[in-house]
N, C-alpha and C. Protein backbone atom coordinates (compact mmCIF):
# COMPACT_ATOMS: atom_id res chain seq x y z
N MET A 1 5.93 2.27 -0.34
CA MET A 1 5.05 2.94 0.62
C MET A 1 5.16 2.30 2.01
N TYR A 2 5.41 0.99 2.03
CA TYR A 2 5.47 0.24 3.29
C TYR A 2 6.50 0.85 4.25
N VAL A 3 7.68 1.18 3.76
CA VAL A 3 8.73 1.71 4.64
C VAL A 3 8.37 3.09 5.17
N TRP A 4 7.63 3.89 4.40
CA TRP A 4 7.18 5.20 4.88
C TRP A 4 6.14 5.05 5.99
N ILE A 5 5.25 4.10 5.81
CA ILE A 5 4.25 3.81 6.85
C ILE A 5 4.96 3.30 8.10
N LYS A 6 5.98 2.47 7.91
CA LYS A 6 6.75 1.95 9.04
C LYS A 6 7.45 3.08 9.78
N ALA A 7 8.02 4.02 9.05
CA ALA A 7 8.67 5.18 9.68
C ALA A 7 7.66 6.00 10.47
N LEU A 8 6.49 6.23 9.89
CA LEU A 8 5.44 6.97 10.60
C LEU A 8 5.01 6.21 11.85
N HIS A 9 4.94 4.89 11.76
CA HIS A 9 4.57 4.05 12.90
C HIS A 9 5.58 4.23 14.04
N VAL A 10 6.85 4.19 13.73
CA VAL A 10 7.90 4.35 14.75
C VAL A 10 7.83 5.74 15.37
N ILE A 11 7.63 6.76 14.55
CA ILE A 11 7.50 8.13 15.07
C ILE A 11 6.31 8.24 16.02
N ALA A 12 5.18 7.65 15.62
CA ALA A 12 3.98 7.69 16.46
C ALA A 12 4.21 6.95 17.77
N ILE A 13 4.87 5.81 17.72
CA ILE A 13 5.14 5.05 18.93
C ILE A 13 6.04 5.84 19.88
N ILE A 14 7.09 6.47 19.33
CA ILE A 14 7.98 7.26 20.17
C ILE A 14 7.20 8.38 20.85
N SER A 15 6.35 9.06 20.11
CA SER A 15 5.55 10.16 20.69
C SER A 15 4.59 9.64 21.74
N TRP A 16 3.93 8.54 21.44
CA TRP A 16 2.96 7.97 22.38
C TRP A 16 3.66 7.51 23.65
N MET A 17 4.77 6.82 23.50
CA MET A 17 5.50 6.33 24.67
C MET A 17 6.04 7.49 25.51
N ALA A 18 6.49 8.54 24.86
CA ALA A 18 6.96 9.71 25.62
C ALA A 18 5.85 10.22 26.53
N GLY A 19 4.64 10.29 25.99
CA GLY A 19 3.51 10.73 26.80
C GLY A 19 3.15 9.74 27.89
N LEU A 20 3.17 8.44 27.56
CA LEU A 20 2.84 7.42 28.55
C LEU A 20 3.85 7.40 29.70
N LEU A 21 5.07 7.82 29.42
CA LEU A 21 6.08 7.86 30.46
C LEU A 21 6.06 9.19 31.22
N TYR A 22 5.69 10.28 30.54
CA TYR A 22 5.75 11.60 31.16
C TYR A 22 4.49 11.96 31.94
N LEU A 23 3.32 11.59 31.44
CA LEU A 23 2.08 11.99 32.11
C LEU A 23 1.99 11.48 33.55
N PRO A 24 2.28 10.21 33.82
CA PRO A 24 2.26 9.78 35.22
C PRO A 24 3.28 10.53 36.09
N ARG A 25 4.39 10.95 35.49
CA ARG A 25 5.37 11.74 36.24
C ARG A 25 4.76 13.11 36.59
N LEU A 26 4.02 13.69 35.66
CA LEU A 26 3.30 14.93 35.98
C LEU A 26 2.31 14.69 37.11
N PHE A 27 1.65 13.53 37.09
CA PHE A 27 0.70 13.19 38.16
C PHE A 27 1.40 13.12 39.52
N VAL A 28 2.63 12.60 39.54
CA VAL A 28 3.40 12.54 40.79
C VAL A 28 3.54 13.96 41.36
N TYR A 29 3.98 14.88 40.52
CA TYR A 29 4.18 16.26 40.97
C TYR A 29 2.86 16.94 41.29
N HIS A 30 1.83 16.65 40.49
CA HIS A 30 0.51 17.26 40.71
C HIS A 30 -0.08 16.80 42.04
N ALA A 31 0.07 15.52 42.35
CA ALA A 31 -0.47 14.99 43.60
C ALA A 31 0.23 15.62 44.80
N SER A 32 1.45 16.05 44.62
CA SER A 32 2.20 16.70 45.70
C SER A 32 1.94 18.19 45.78
N ALA A 33 1.37 18.77 44.73
CA ALA A 33 1.25 20.23 44.64
C ALA A 33 0.11 20.80 45.47
N GLY A 34 -0.92 20.01 45.72
CA GLY A 34 -2.08 20.56 46.41
C GLY A 34 -2.91 21.42 45.47
N ASP A 35 -3.71 22.33 46.03
CA ASP A 35 -4.55 23.21 45.23
C ASP A 35 -3.81 24.51 44.94
N GLY A 36 -4.33 25.28 44.00
CA GLY A 36 -3.76 26.58 43.73
C GLY A 36 -3.24 26.71 42.31
N ALA A 37 -2.40 27.73 42.11
CA ALA A 37 -1.90 28.06 40.78
C ALA A 37 -1.06 26.93 40.18
N LEU A 38 -0.24 26.29 41.01
CA LEU A 38 0.59 25.20 40.51
C LEU A 38 -0.28 24.04 40.03
N SER A 39 -1.31 23.73 40.77
CA SER A 39 -2.25 22.67 40.37
C SER A 39 -2.91 23.03 39.04
N ASP A 40 -3.29 24.28 38.87
CA ASP A 40 -3.91 24.72 37.62
C ASP A 40 -2.94 24.58 36.45
N THR A 41 -1.68 24.86 36.68
CA THR A 41 -0.66 24.71 35.64
C THR A 41 -0.52 23.25 35.25
N PHE A 42 -0.51 22.36 36.24
CA PHE A 42 -0.42 20.92 35.94
C PHE A 42 -1.63 20.46 35.14
N LYS A 43 -2.80 20.96 35.47
CA LYS A 43 -4.01 20.58 34.74
C LYS A 43 -3.88 20.93 33.25
N ILE A 44 -3.37 22.11 32.97
CA ILE A 44 -3.19 22.53 31.58
C ILE A 44 -2.16 21.64 30.88
N MET A 45 -1.04 21.40 31.54
CA MET A 45 0.02 20.57 30.95
C MET A 45 -0.49 19.16 30.68
N GLU A 46 -1.19 18.58 31.63
CA GLU A 46 -1.70 17.22 31.49
C GLU A 46 -2.70 17.13 30.34
N ARG A 47 -3.63 18.08 30.29
CA ARG A 47 -4.66 18.06 29.26
C ARG A 47 -4.03 18.20 27.86
N ARG A 48 -3.12 19.12 27.72
CA ARG A 48 -2.49 19.33 26.41
C ARG A 48 -1.67 18.12 25.98
N LEU A 49 -0.92 17.54 26.90
CA LEU A 49 -0.14 16.35 26.58
C LEU A 49 -1.04 15.21 26.13
N TYR A 50 -2.10 14.98 26.87
CA TYR A 50 -3.00 13.87 26.58
C TYR A 50 -3.76 14.08 25.27
N ARG A 51 -4.34 15.26 25.10
CA ARG A 51 -5.20 15.51 23.94
C ARG A 51 -4.44 15.77 22.65
N TYR A 52 -3.34 16.49 22.72
CA TYR A 52 -2.69 16.95 21.50
C TYR A 52 -1.45 16.16 21.11
N ILE A 53 -0.94 15.34 22.00
CA ILE A 53 0.24 14.53 21.67
C ILE A 53 -0.08 13.04 21.81
N MET A 54 -0.46 12.64 23.02
CA MET A 54 -0.63 11.21 23.28
C MET A 54 -1.74 10.56 22.46
N THR A 55 -2.92 11.13 22.48
CA THR A 55 -4.05 10.49 21.81
C THR A 55 -3.86 10.46 20.29
N PRO A 56 -3.48 11.57 19.65
CA PRO A 56 -3.22 11.45 18.21
C PRO A 56 -2.11 10.45 17.89
N ALA A 57 -1.05 10.44 18.69
CA ALA A 57 0.05 9.49 18.45
C ALA A 57 -0.43 8.05 18.61
N MET A 58 -1.26 7.79 19.62
CA MET A 58 -1.79 6.44 19.80
C MET A 58 -2.63 6.03 18.59
N LEU A 59 -3.48 6.92 18.12
CA LEU A 59 -4.33 6.59 16.97
C LEU A 59 -3.51 6.32 15.72
N VAL A 60 -2.49 7.12 15.48
CA VAL A 60 -1.62 6.90 14.32
C VAL A 60 -0.85 5.58 14.48
N ALA A 61 -0.38 5.30 15.69
CA ALA A 61 0.32 4.03 15.94
C ALA A 61 -0.58 2.84 15.65
N TRP A 62 -1.83 2.92 16.09
CA TRP A 62 -2.77 1.83 15.82
C TRP A 62 -3.05 1.69 14.33
N MET A 63 -3.34 2.79 13.66
CA MET A 63 -3.68 2.73 12.24
C MET A 63 -2.53 2.20 11.39
N THR A 64 -1.35 2.74 11.63
CA THR A 64 -0.19 2.29 10.86
C THR A 64 0.21 0.86 11.26
N GLY A 65 0.05 0.53 12.53
CA GLY A 65 0.37 -0.82 12.99
C GLY A 65 -0.51 -1.87 12.36
N ILE A 66 -1.79 -1.57 12.24
CA ILE A 66 -2.71 -2.51 11.59
C ILE A 66 -2.31 -2.70 10.12
N TYR A 67 -2.01 -1.61 9.45
CA TYR A 67 -1.57 -1.69 8.05
C TYR A 67 -0.32 -2.56 7.94
N LEU A 68 0.67 -2.30 8.79
CA LEU A 68 1.93 -3.05 8.74
C LEU A 68 1.72 -4.53 9.04
N ALA A 69 0.85 -4.83 9.99
CA ALA A 69 0.59 -6.23 10.34
C ALA A 69 -0.06 -6.97 9.18
N VAL A 70 -1.01 -6.33 8.52
CA VAL A 70 -1.70 -6.97 7.40
C VAL A 70 -0.75 -7.11 6.21
N GLU A 71 -0.12 -6.01 5.83
CA GLU A 71 0.77 -6.02 4.66
C GLU A 71 2.03 -6.85 4.89
N GLY A 72 2.51 -6.90 6.11
CA GLY A 72 3.73 -7.63 6.41
C GLY A 72 3.52 -9.09 6.76
N GLY A 73 2.26 -9.52 6.84
CA GLY A 73 1.96 -10.91 7.11
C GLY A 73 2.20 -11.34 8.55
N ALA A 74 2.14 -10.42 9.46
CA ALA A 74 2.42 -10.75 10.87
C ALA A 74 1.21 -11.34 11.61
N LEU A 75 0.04 -11.25 11.01
CA LEU A 75 -1.18 -11.66 11.73
C LEU A 75 -1.17 -13.12 12.17
N SER A 76 -0.42 -13.96 11.48
CA SER A 76 -0.41 -15.38 11.85
C SER A 76 0.77 -15.76 12.75
N ALA A 77 1.63 -14.80 13.06
CA ALA A 77 2.82 -15.09 13.88
C ALA A 77 2.47 -15.06 15.37
N GLY A 78 3.00 -16.04 16.10
CA GLY A 78 2.74 -16.12 17.54
C GLY A 78 3.23 -14.90 18.30
N TRP A 79 4.43 -14.42 17.98
CA TRP A 79 4.98 -13.25 18.66
C TRP A 79 4.06 -12.04 18.49
N PHE A 80 3.42 -11.95 17.31
CA PHE A 80 2.56 -10.80 17.05
C PHE A 80 1.33 -10.81 17.96
N HIS A 81 0.80 -11.97 18.25
CA HIS A 81 -0.39 -12.06 19.12
C HIS A 81 -0.05 -11.58 20.54
N VAL A 82 1.13 -11.94 21.01
CA VAL A 82 1.57 -11.47 22.32
C VAL A 82 1.80 -9.96 22.27
N LYS A 83 2.46 -9.50 21.21
CA LYS A 83 2.70 -8.06 21.06
C LYS A 83 1.38 -7.30 21.03
N LEU A 84 0.42 -7.79 20.29
CA LEU A 84 -0.88 -7.13 20.21
C LEU A 84 -1.55 -7.05 21.58
N THR A 85 -1.43 -8.10 22.35
CA THR A 85 -1.97 -8.10 23.71
C THR A 85 -1.31 -7.02 24.56
N LEU A 86 0.00 -6.89 24.43
CA LEU A 86 0.73 -5.87 25.18
C LEU A 86 0.36 -4.46 24.72
N VAL A 87 0.11 -4.29 23.43
CA VAL A 87 -0.31 -2.98 22.91
C VAL A 87 -1.72 -2.64 23.42
N VAL A 88 -2.56 -3.64 23.54
CA VAL A 88 -3.88 -3.42 24.14
C VAL A 88 -3.72 -2.96 25.59
N LEU A 89 -2.77 -3.55 26.31
CA LEU A 89 -2.50 -3.12 27.69
C LEU A 89 -1.95 -1.70 27.73
N LEU A 90 -1.10 -1.34 26.77
CA LEU A 90 -0.62 0.05 26.68
C LEU A 90 -1.79 1.01 26.43
N THR A 91 -2.72 0.57 25.59
CA THR A 91 -3.91 1.38 25.31
C THR A 91 -4.76 1.52 26.57
N ALA A 92 -4.88 0.44 27.35
CA ALA A 92 -5.61 0.51 28.62
C ALA A 92 -4.92 1.48 29.57
N ALA A 93 -3.59 1.47 29.61
CA ALA A 93 -2.85 2.42 30.45
C ALA A 93 -3.13 3.85 29.97
N HIS A 94 -3.18 4.04 28.67
CA HIS A 94 -3.49 5.36 28.10
C HIS A 94 -4.87 5.83 28.57
N LEU A 95 -5.85 4.95 28.46
CA LEU A 95 -7.21 5.30 28.87
C LEU A 95 -7.28 5.56 30.38
N HIS A 96 -6.53 4.78 31.14
CA HIS A 96 -6.47 4.99 32.59
C HIS A 96 -5.85 6.36 32.90
N ASP A 97 -4.80 6.72 32.16
CA ASP A 97 -4.22 8.05 32.30
C ASP A 97 -5.27 9.13 32.06
N GLY A 98 -6.11 8.92 31.05
CA GLY A 98 -7.16 9.89 30.76
C GLY A 98 -8.15 10.03 31.91
N ALA A 99 -8.50 8.89 32.51
CA ALA A 99 -9.41 8.93 33.66
C ALA A 99 -8.76 9.64 34.84
N LEU A 100 -7.48 9.37 35.07
CA LEU A 100 -6.76 10.03 36.16
C LEU A 100 -6.67 11.54 35.90
N MET A 101 -6.41 11.91 34.66
CA MET A 101 -6.33 13.33 34.29
C MET A 101 -7.67 14.03 34.57
N ARG A 102 -8.76 13.36 34.21
CA ARG A 102 -10.08 13.97 34.46
C ARG A 102 -10.35 14.13 35.95
N ARG A 103 -9.87 13.18 36.77
CA ARG A 103 -10.03 13.32 38.22
C ARG A 103 -9.24 14.52 38.74
N PHE A 104 -8.01 14.66 38.27
CA PHE A 104 -7.22 15.83 38.67
C PHE A 104 -7.92 17.11 38.24
N ALA A 105 -8.49 17.12 37.03
CA ALA A 105 -9.16 18.32 36.52
C ALA A 105 -10.34 18.72 37.41
N GLN A 106 -10.95 17.74 38.05
CA GLN A 106 -12.08 17.99 38.95
C GLN A 106 -11.65 18.12 40.41
N ASP A 107 -10.34 18.18 40.63
CA ASP A 107 -9.78 18.22 41.99
C ASP A 107 -10.28 17.04 42.82
N ALA A 108 -10.30 15.85 42.19
CA ALA A 108 -10.81 14.66 42.86
C ALA A 108 -9.77 13.53 42.85
N ASN A 109 -8.51 13.87 42.89
CA ASN A 109 -7.47 12.84 42.94
C ASN A 109 -7.59 12.04 44.23
N VAL A 110 -7.49 10.71 44.10
CA VAL A 110 -7.58 9.84 45.28
C VAL A 110 -6.29 9.06 45.53
N HIS A 111 -5.27 9.28 44.70
CA HIS A 111 -4.04 8.50 44.81
C HIS A 111 -2.87 9.34 45.33
N SER A 112 -1.94 8.65 45.94
CA SER A 112 -0.73 9.29 46.45
C SER A 112 0.31 9.41 45.32
N PRO A 113 1.31 10.26 45.51
CA PRO A 113 2.41 10.32 44.53
C PRO A 113 3.06 8.94 44.32
N ARG A 114 3.12 8.14 45.37
CA ARG A 114 3.72 6.80 45.25
C ARG A 114 2.96 5.95 44.25
N TYR A 115 1.63 6.02 44.24
CA TYR A 115 0.83 5.26 43.27
C TYR A 115 1.26 5.61 41.85
N TYR A 116 1.43 6.90 41.58
CA TYR A 116 1.79 7.32 40.23
C TYR A 116 3.21 6.91 39.88
N ARG A 117 4.11 6.88 40.85
CA ARG A 117 5.47 6.41 40.59
C ARG A 117 5.46 4.94 40.19
N ILE A 118 4.66 4.15 40.88
CA ILE A 118 4.56 2.72 40.57
C ILE A 118 3.85 2.52 39.22
N PHE A 119 2.74 3.24 39.02
CA PHE A 119 1.99 3.12 37.77
C PHE A 119 2.86 3.52 36.58
N ASN A 120 3.79 4.43 36.79
CA ASN A 120 4.67 4.91 35.73
C ASN A 120 5.57 3.80 35.19
N GLU A 121 5.78 2.75 35.96
CA GLU A 121 6.66 1.65 35.53
C GLU A 121 5.98 0.71 34.54
N LEU A 122 4.65 0.63 34.57
CA LEU A 122 3.93 -0.29 33.71
C LEU A 122 4.21 -0.06 32.23
N PRO A 123 4.07 1.16 31.70
CA PRO A 123 4.37 1.35 30.28
C PRO A 123 5.81 1.01 29.93
N THR A 124 6.74 1.23 30.84
CA THR A 124 8.14 0.91 30.58
C THR A 124 8.31 -0.59 30.38
N VAL A 125 7.75 -1.38 31.27
CA VAL A 125 7.86 -2.84 31.16
C VAL A 125 7.18 -3.34 29.89
N LEU A 126 6.01 -2.80 29.60
CA LEU A 126 5.29 -3.20 28.38
C LEU A 126 6.09 -2.83 27.13
N MET A 127 6.65 -1.63 27.10
CA MET A 127 7.43 -1.17 25.95
C MET A 127 8.64 -2.07 25.72
N ILE A 128 9.36 -2.38 26.77
CA ILE A 128 10.54 -3.26 26.65
C ILE A 128 10.12 -4.61 26.08
N SER A 129 9.02 -5.13 26.58
CA SER A 129 8.53 -6.43 26.10
C SER A 129 8.14 -6.37 24.63
N VAL A 130 7.48 -5.30 24.22
CA VAL A 130 7.07 -5.15 22.82
C VAL A 130 8.30 -5.07 21.92
N VAL A 131 9.28 -4.28 22.30
CA VAL A 131 10.49 -4.14 21.48
C VAL A 131 11.19 -5.48 21.32
N ILE A 132 11.30 -6.25 22.41
CA ILE A 132 11.94 -7.56 22.33
C ILE A 132 11.16 -8.48 21.38
N LEU A 133 9.85 -8.47 21.50
CA LEU A 133 9.02 -9.32 20.62
C LEU A 133 9.20 -8.95 19.15
N VAL A 134 9.21 -7.65 18.87
CA VAL A 134 9.30 -7.19 17.47
C VAL A 134 10.68 -7.47 16.88
N ILE A 135 11.72 -7.26 17.66
CA ILE A 135 13.09 -7.43 17.15
C ILE A 135 13.51 -8.91 17.15
N VAL A 136 13.27 -9.61 18.24
CA VAL A 136 13.75 -10.99 18.38
C VAL A 136 12.80 -11.99 17.73
N LYS A 137 11.50 -11.70 17.77
CA LYS A 137 10.48 -12.63 17.26
C LYS A 137 10.75 -14.05 17.79
N PRO A 138 10.66 -14.21 19.11
CA PRO A 138 11.09 -15.47 19.74
C PRO A 138 10.24 -16.70 19.39
N PHE A 139 9.06 -16.50 18.86
CA PHE A 139 8.21 -17.65 18.48
C PHE A 139 7.25 -17.24 17.40
């Protein structure tokens, strides 16, 4: 059963990361779009991505990850504590995306497209760090 849970965990992570990388990119385009029909289209795309893909994927990643950590004995490993911290930061980025999405939905965006381009790099750096920790287990 462990390997099936692990496969589900990887699938959930891929889905979650796809959303964490794509939603800020949508924000870049949305911030440039102004008001009107195009803005309304972005609102729908952002909401659906966040609610129906990103959030369920994040929850499955957390649930399966906790199972894997307990069953695999990773809770006492130093690398795992750093990885868990980075996953908490990815979760914070997810929640921040949700807050940004709600601002766009209310036509209350306060950030420039440049902000979203820079913010889009955070999940990438965190993801690379997590993968290195999981594969290399440096400590």
